Amino acid sequence: MDVSMVFDIGGTSFRTGIFNSDLELLEHSKVDSNNYLDGVSNVASLQEGFLNLIADVKDSYARKGYKIKKIGLGFPGPVNKKGEVLSAPTLWGPMKEIYPLNEKLSEMFRDTKVFTINDLTAAGWRYIKVNNGTFCVVTISSGVGNKVFWKGEVLISDDGYGGELGHAFYGSEYSAYECGCGMNGHIGGVSSGRGIEKIAEQYFINNNQSTGQKFTTYDLIRGLNSGDPQCVEILTLSTLPIAKSIQFIFSVIGIDRFIIIGGVPCSIGQLYIDSLLSHMKNIGFMGKSNDQLSEMLILGNYDDLNGIYGMANYLNSIS
């Protein structure tokens, strides 16, 4: 059977899927990503391991009888038109050189067409019919990112830049928080899952409640589900930079549909949207009533498959 094999690569998880020509998902899998936080400081070793994992996955599907005609990768970092990775802060940590990922994969799989794009661009393609293809997708997981789509086209430069909300400087009391890219004070170092853990640590220190044990996003979710007021306050602190970013994007280019995805908001659910909306109402959006602000936010599908469904749509669009 002729199929497409797609990957949604994240700093935390590595997802794969097999789609037929009718865009039906035949099977999918998810494993932990091998990232720089695992203690491997050599970027070249991480990159080699990454290529080997892609090859192993392809071989495993080929043994099942699938004839893989296309491979699509959604990668966590800016990717230029050549499929070169400019940086991969949540996966490989700080990089010194551009990495020609699509070229490497094309050399490995000479009988297969390979396409590499940013992971959030791929995820956005799942929602390409929303609001006539004009929206901003925002993800909050191990990192923070966004992509703006305008009438079905993603707005990024030829070099792959644009939509890296997580690397916008936020500063404030978080100026010393280190982002995965190695710089300080970025939104990704504050509002991501990893950033939330830092906020929680500082929150408990400030309130003389530190136990010395790490507070994780899983603890946050459990606390929110039980109505813990401290967890609500930690969530409130973490969503403010995202809400301010939404207000800025709307004010600058007029986008008024924001699709919120990623492990953090989708695990928390409507409480996350409510927290964002509360900030948005306090900040104020010129020309928008509170009711209209509610219409601006859409919680994305929580099936953990945004990236692979979106990548399949993207591959179909260029066939």
Protein backbone atom coordinates (compact mmCIF):
# COMPACT_ATOMS: atom_id res chain seq x y z
CA MET A 1 0.00 0.00 0.00
CA ASP A 2 1.33 3.44 -0.95
CA VAL A 3 1.42 5.72 2.09
CA SER A 4 2.90 8.89 3.53
CA MET A 5 4.93 8.71 6.73
CA VAL A 6 4.79 11.83 8.88
CA PHE A 7 6.65 12.94 11.98
CA ASP A 8 5.77 15.48 14.64
CA ILE A 9 9.02 16.10 16.49
CA GLY A 10 8.94 17.88 19.82
CA GLY A 11 11.39 18.58 22.56
CA THR A 12 9.55 16.09 24.77
CA SER A 13 7.84 13.63 22.42
CA PHE A 14 8.50 12.08 19.02
CA ARG A 15 5.30 11.17 17.14
CA THR A 16 4.87 9.29 13.88
CA GLY A 17 1.91 8.45 11.68
CA ILE A 18 1.05 6.58 8.50
CA PHE A 19 -1.61 8.02 6.16
CA ASN A 20 -3.12 6.59 3.00
CA SER A 21 -4.03 8.64 -0.08
CA ASP A 22 -7.46 9.40 1.40
CA LEU A 23 -5.79 11.06 4.41
CA GLU A 24 -6.90 8.28 6.72
CA LEU A 25 -4.61 7.71 9.69
CA LEU A 26 -3.75 4.02 9.57
CA GLU A 27 -1.54 3.90 12.64
CA HIS A 28 0.56 6.13 14.83
CA SER A 29 3.05 5.95 17.67
CA LYS A 30 4.67 8.15 20.27
CA VAL A 31 7.97 7.81 22.12
CA ASP A 32 10.10 10.16 24.22
CA SER A 33 12.43 12.47 22.32
CA ASN A 34 16.15 12.23 22.92
CA ASN A 35 17.04 15.79 23.84
CA TYR A 36 19.92 17.74 25.30
CA LEU A 37 18.41 17.54 28.78
CA ASP A 38 19.18 13.81 28.80
CA GLY A 39 22.81 14.66 29.47
CA VAL A 40 24.10 14.43 25.91
CA SER A 41 25.86 17.75 25.38
CA ASN A 42 27.32 16.88 21.97
CA VAL A 43 24.93 18.28 19.36
CA ALA A 44 26.44 16.13 16.61
CA SER A 45 25.69 12.98 18.61
CA LEU A 46 22.09 14.07 19.13
CA GLN A 47 21.72 14.77 15.42
CA GLU A 48 23.17 11.40 14.44
CA GLY A 49 20.87 9.64 16.89
CA PHE A 50 17.93 11.56 15.45
CA LEU A 51 18.68 10.39 11.90
CA ASN A 52 19.09 6.82 13.09
CA LEU A 53 15.73 6.94 14.83
CA ILE A 54 14.02 8.22 11.68
CA ALA A 55 15.61 5.37 9.71
CA ASP A 56 14.53 2.80 12.30
CA VAL A 57 10.93 4.02 12.20
CA LYS A 58 10.86 3.90 8.41
CA ASP A 59 12.26 0.37 8.42
CA SER A 60 9.68 -0.78 10.96
CA TYR A 61 6.81 0.46 8.81
CA ALA A 62 8.36 -0.95 5.64
CA ARG A 63 8.47 -4.38 7.27
CA LYS A 64 4.71 -4.14 7.71
CA GLY A 65 4.30 -3.87 3.96
CA TYR A 66 3.85 -0.11 3.63
CA LYS A 67 5.33 1.51 0.54
CA ILE A 68 6.39 4.92 1.77
CA LYS A 69 6.22 7.46 -1.04
CA LYS A 70 6.52 10.66 0.99
CA ILE A 71 8.05 11.59 4.30
CA GLY A 72 7.05 14.77 6.08
CA LEU A 73 8.72 16.12 9.21
CA GLY A 74 7.45 18.84 11.46
CA PHE A 75 10.56 20.02 13.33
CA PRO A 76 10.70 22.09 16.56
CA GLY A 77 12.57 25.17 15.44
CA PRO A 78 12.91 27.56 12.51
CA VAL A 79 13.34 25.74 9.19
CA ASN A 80 14.16 27.55 5.95
CA LYS A 81 12.87 26.77 2.47
CA LYS A 82 15.70 24.29 1.90
CA GLY A 83 14.62 22.27 4.91
CA GLU A 84 17.65 23.39 6.89
CA VAL A 85 17.30 23.67 10.66
CA LEU A 86 18.43 27.06 11.94
CA SER A 87 18.06 26.20 15.62
CA ALA A 88 16.50 23.51 17.79
CA PRO A 89 16.55 24.86 21.35
CA THR A 90 14.08 22.41 22.92
CA LEU A 91 15.60 19.36 21.20
CA TRP A 92 19.32 19.87 20.67
CA GLY A 93 19.95 22.96 22.79
CA PRO A 94 22.16 25.79 21.48
CA MET A 95 23.49 25.12 17.95
CA LYS A 96 26.49 26.77 16.31
CA GLU A 97 25.76 25.81 12.70
CA ILE A 98 22.77 25.42 10.41
CA TYR A 99 21.88 21.75 10.02
CA PRO A 100 20.82 20.50 6.53
CA LEU A 101 18.21 18.06 7.83
CA ASN A 102 16.14 17.65 4.67
CA GLU A 103 19.29 17.08 2.61
CA LYS A 104 20.53 14.45 5.06
CA LEU A 105 17.21 12.61 4.97
CA SER A 106 16.94 12.84 1.18
CA GLU A 107 20.37 11.23 0.92
CA MET A 108 19.26 8.45 3.25
CA PHE A 109 15.96 7.81 1.46
CA ARG A 110 16.73 8.37 -2.22
CA ASP A 111 13.55 6.63 -3.38
CA THR A 112 11.28 8.81 -1.24
CA LYS A 113 10.29 12.48 -1.38
CA VAL A 114 11.16 14.22 1.87
CA PHE A 115 9.73 17.51 3.15
CA THR A 116 10.82 19.26 6.35
CA ILE A 117 8.95 22.23 7.80
CA ASN A 118 8.52 23.78 11.22
CA ASP A 119 6.43 21.66 13.59
CA LEU A 120 3.96 24.42 14.33
CA THR A 121 3.55 25.22 10.66
CA ALA A 122 2.65 21.56 10.25
CA ALA A 123 0.19 21.66 13.16
CA GLY A 124 -1.43 24.78 11.73
CA TRP A 125 -2.26 22.88 8.57
CA ARG A 126 -4.73 20.80 10.57
CA TYR A 127 -6.82 23.97 11.00
CA ILE A 128 -6.33 25.40 7.52
CA LYS A 129 -10.10 25.75 6.97
CA VAL A 130 -10.66 27.81 10.13
CA ASN A 131 -11.70 31.42 9.42
CA ASN A 132 -10.84 31.04 5.73
CA GLY A 133 -7.27 30.09 6.59
CA THR A 134 -6.59 33.30 8.53
CA PHE A 135 -5.57 32.62 12.12
CA CYS A 136 -2.68 32.32 14.53
CA VAL A 137 -1.87 28.97 16.09
CA VAL A 138 -0.07 29.13 19.44
CA THR A 139 1.48 26.13 21.16
CA ILE A 140 2.55 25.83 24.77
CA SER A 141 4.42 22.64 25.59
CA SER A 142 8.13 22.07 26.29
CA GLY A 143 8.56 25.34 24.40
CA VAL A 144 6.32 28.14 23.13
CA GLY A 145 5.73 28.95 19.49
CA ASN A 146 3.25 30.41 17.06
CA LYS A 147 2.53 30.64 13.38
CA VAL A 148 0.34 33.16 11.59
CA PHE A 149 -1.64 31.91 8.60
CA TRP A 150 -3.11 34.45 6.19
CA LYS A 151 -5.64 33.16 3.67
CA GLY A 152 -4.08 29.71 3.75
CA GLU A 153 -0.44 30.79 3.60
CA VAL A 154 1.93 30.74 6.56
CA LEU A 155 3.74 34.03 7.14
CA ILE A 156 7.42 33.24 7.55
CA SER A 157 10.55 34.49 5.83
CA ASP A 158 12.43 32.45 3.24
CA ASP A 159 15.00 31.84 5.96
CA GLY A 160 12.33 30.28 8.16
CA TYR A 161 12.01 33.07 10.69
CA GLY A 162 8.69 34.28 12.01
CA GLY A 163 6.35 32.65 14.46
CA GLU A 164 8.96 32.04 17.13
CA LEU A 165 6.92 33.63 19.89
CA GLY A 166 8.81 31.67 22.51
CA HIS A 167 11.96 33.62 21.65
CA ALA A 168 10.41 37.05 22.02
CA PHE A 169 11.83 38.88 25.04
CA TYR A 170 9.44 39.29 27.95
CA GLY A 171 11.79 40.14 30.79
CA SER A 172 10.07 41.66 33.82
CA GLU A 173 10.69 39.58 36.94
CA TYR A 174 11.64 36.70 34.66
CA SER A 175 14.67 38.37 33.08
CA ALA A 176 17.02 35.74 34.52
CA TYR A 177 14.96 32.76 33.33
CA GLU A 178 16.97 30.88 30.74
CA CYS A 179 15.32 29.81 27.50
CA GLY A 180 16.29 26.61 25.71
CA CYS A 181 18.06 28.73 23.09
CA GLY A 182 20.53 29.89 25.74
CA MET A 183 19.23 33.44 26.09
CA ASN A 184 17.38 34.85 29.09
CA GLY A 185 13.96 36.37 29.62
CA HIS A 186 12.24 34.83 26.61
CA ILE A 187 8.55 33.91 26.72
CA GLY A 188 9.49 30.29 26.12
CA GLY A 189 11.52 30.32 29.32
CA VAL A 190 8.51 31.62 31.25
CA SER A 191 5.25 30.24 29.87
CA SER A 192 6.31 26.83 28.54
CA GLY A 193 5.89 23.70 30.60
CA ARG A 194 9.50 24.02 31.69
CA GLY A 195 8.97 27.71 32.44
CA ILE A 196 5.89 27.01 34.54
CA GLU A 197 8.00 24.73 36.73
CA LYS A 198 10.41 27.63 37.30
CA ILE A 199 7.52 29.98 38.13
CA ALA A 200 6.19 27.44 40.62
CA GLU A 201 9.60 27.02 42.26
CA GLN A 202 9.97 30.77 42.72
CA TYR A 203 6.35 31.09 43.88
CA PHE A 204 6.86 28.61 46.70
CA ILE A 205 10.19 30.20 47.68
CA ASN A 206 8.55 33.64 47.82
CA ASN A 207 5.79 32.24 50.02
CA ASN A 208 8.19 30.31 52.28
CA GLN A 209 6.64 27.02 51.19
CA SER A 210 9.51 25.43 49.31
CA THR A 211 9.90 21.72 50.08
CA GLY A 212 12.97 21.17 47.95
CA GLN A 213 11.01 18.81 45.73
CA LYS A 214 10.48 19.66 42.08
CA PHE A 215 6.99 20.86 41.17
CA THR A 216 6.04 19.61 37.71
CA THR A 217 3.32 20.47 35.23
CA TYR A 218 1.68 17.19 36.23
CA ASP A 219 1.45 18.51 39.79
CA LEU A 220 -0.06 21.71 38.41
CA ILE A 221 -2.72 19.83 36.47
CA ARG A 222 -3.63 17.69 39.48
CA GLY A 223 -3.84 20.80 41.63
CA LEU A 224 -6.02 22.64 39.13
CA ASN A 225 -8.34 19.65 38.89
CA SER A 226 -8.78 19.74 42.66
CA GLY A 227 -9.25 23.51 42.77
CA ASP A 228 -5.97 24.30 44.54
CA PRO A 229 -5.80 28.13 44.72
CA GLN A 230 -1.99 28.14 44.62
CA CYS A 231 -2.01 26.20 41.36
CA VAL A 232 -4.56 28.64 39.97
CA GLU A 233 -2.21 31.50 40.87
CA ILE A 234 0.77 29.75 39.23
CA LEU A 235 -1.31 29.22 36.08
CA THR A 236 -2.34 32.89 36.15
CA LEU A 237 1.29 34.00 36.29
CA SER A 238 2.26 31.74 33.39
CA THR A 239 -0.54 32.79 31.04
CA LEU A 240 0.01 36.55 31.29
CA PRO A 241 2.90 36.63 28.76
CA ILE A 242 0.78 34.63 26.29
CA ALA A 243 -2.22 36.94 26.73
CA LYS A 244 -0.04 40.02 26.19
CA SER A 245 1.39 38.40 23.06
CA ILE A 246 -2.09 37.75 21.67
CA GLN A 247 -3.01 41.38 22.28
CA PHE A 248 0.15 42.53 20.51
CA ILE A 249 -0.37 40.30 17.46
CA PHE A 250 -3.99 41.44 17.16
CA SER A 251 -3.01 45.09 17.50
CA VAL A 252 -0.25 44.88 14.89
CA ILE A 253 -1.79 42.74 12.13
CA GLY A 254 -5.46 42.29 13.04
CA ILE A 255 -5.54 38.51 13.44
CA ASP A 256 -8.58 37.71 15.59
CA ARG A 257 -8.62 33.92 15.72
CA PHE A 258 -6.11 32.20 17.97
CA ILE A 259 -5.97 28.42 18.12
CA ILE A 260 -4.33 27.31 21.36
CA ILE A 261 -2.66 23.90 21.28
CA GLY A 262 0.11 21.99 23.03
CA GLY A 263 0.43 19.68 25.98
CA VAL A 264 0.00 22.37 28.62
CA PRO A 265 -3.28 24.04 27.55
CA CYS A 266 -4.83 20.87 26.17
CA SER A 267 -4.10 18.98 29.40
CA ILE A 268 -5.51 21.80 31.52
CA GLY A 269 -8.45 22.39 29.19
CA GLN A 270 -10.95 25.22 29.49
CA LEU A 271 -9.28 26.55 32.64
CA TYR A 272 -6.31 27.56 30.51
CA ILE A 273 -8.53 29.42 28.05
CA ASP A 274 -10.39 31.08 30.92
CA SER A 275 -7.09 32.25 32.41
CA LEU A 276 -6.01 33.75 29.09
CA LEU A 277 -9.39 35.39 28.61
CA SER A 278 -9.31 36.96 32.06
CA HIS A 279 -5.98 38.61 31.25
CA MET A 280 -7.23 39.70 27.82
CA LYS A 281 -10.25 41.43 29.35
CA ASN A 282 -8.03 43.21 31.86
CA ILE A 283 -5.56 44.30 29.17
CA GLY A 284 -8.21 45.45 26.71
CA PHE A 285 -8.36 45.06 22.93
CA MET A 286 -9.25 48.14 20.92
CA GLY A 287 -12.47 47.52 18.99
CA LYS A 288 -13.32 44.26 20.74
CA SER A 289 -15.99 43.74 23.39
CA ASN A 290 -15.58 41.09 26.08
CA ASP A 291 -17.96 38.81 24.19
CA GLN A 292 -15.88 39.23 21.05
CA LEU A 293 -12.72 38.42 22.98
CA SER A 294 -14.26 35.08 23.93
CA GLU A 295 -14.74 34.30 20.26
CA MET A 296 -11.06 34.93 19.53
CA LEU A 297 -9.81 31.88 21.43
CA ILE A 298 -10.18 28.30 20.23
CA LEU A 299 -8.81 25.35 22.20
CA GLY A 300 -7.37 22.95 19.67
CA ASN A 301 -8.00 19.24 19.41
CA TYR A 302 -6.65 17.27 22.32
CA ASP A 303 -5.83 13.98 20.68
CA ASP A 304 -2.06 14.57 20.59
CA LEU A 305 -2.23 14.37 16.80
CA ASN A 306 -2.23 17.99 15.62
CA GLY A 307 1.22 17.75 14.09
CA ILE A 308 0.75 14.50 12.22
CA TYR A 309 -2.71 15.35 10.86
CA GLY A 310 -1.46 18.78 9.85
CA MET A 311 1.63 17.34 8.19
CA ALA A 312 -0.55 14.93 6.21
CA ASN A 313 -2.68 17.86 5.02
CA TYR A 314 0.46 19.74 4.02
CA LEU A 315 1.84 16.81 2.01
CA ASN A 316 -1.52 16.44 0.30
CA SER A 317 -1.53 20.14 -0.62
CA ILE A 318 1.76 19.85 -2.51
CA SER A 319 1.04 16.59 -4.33
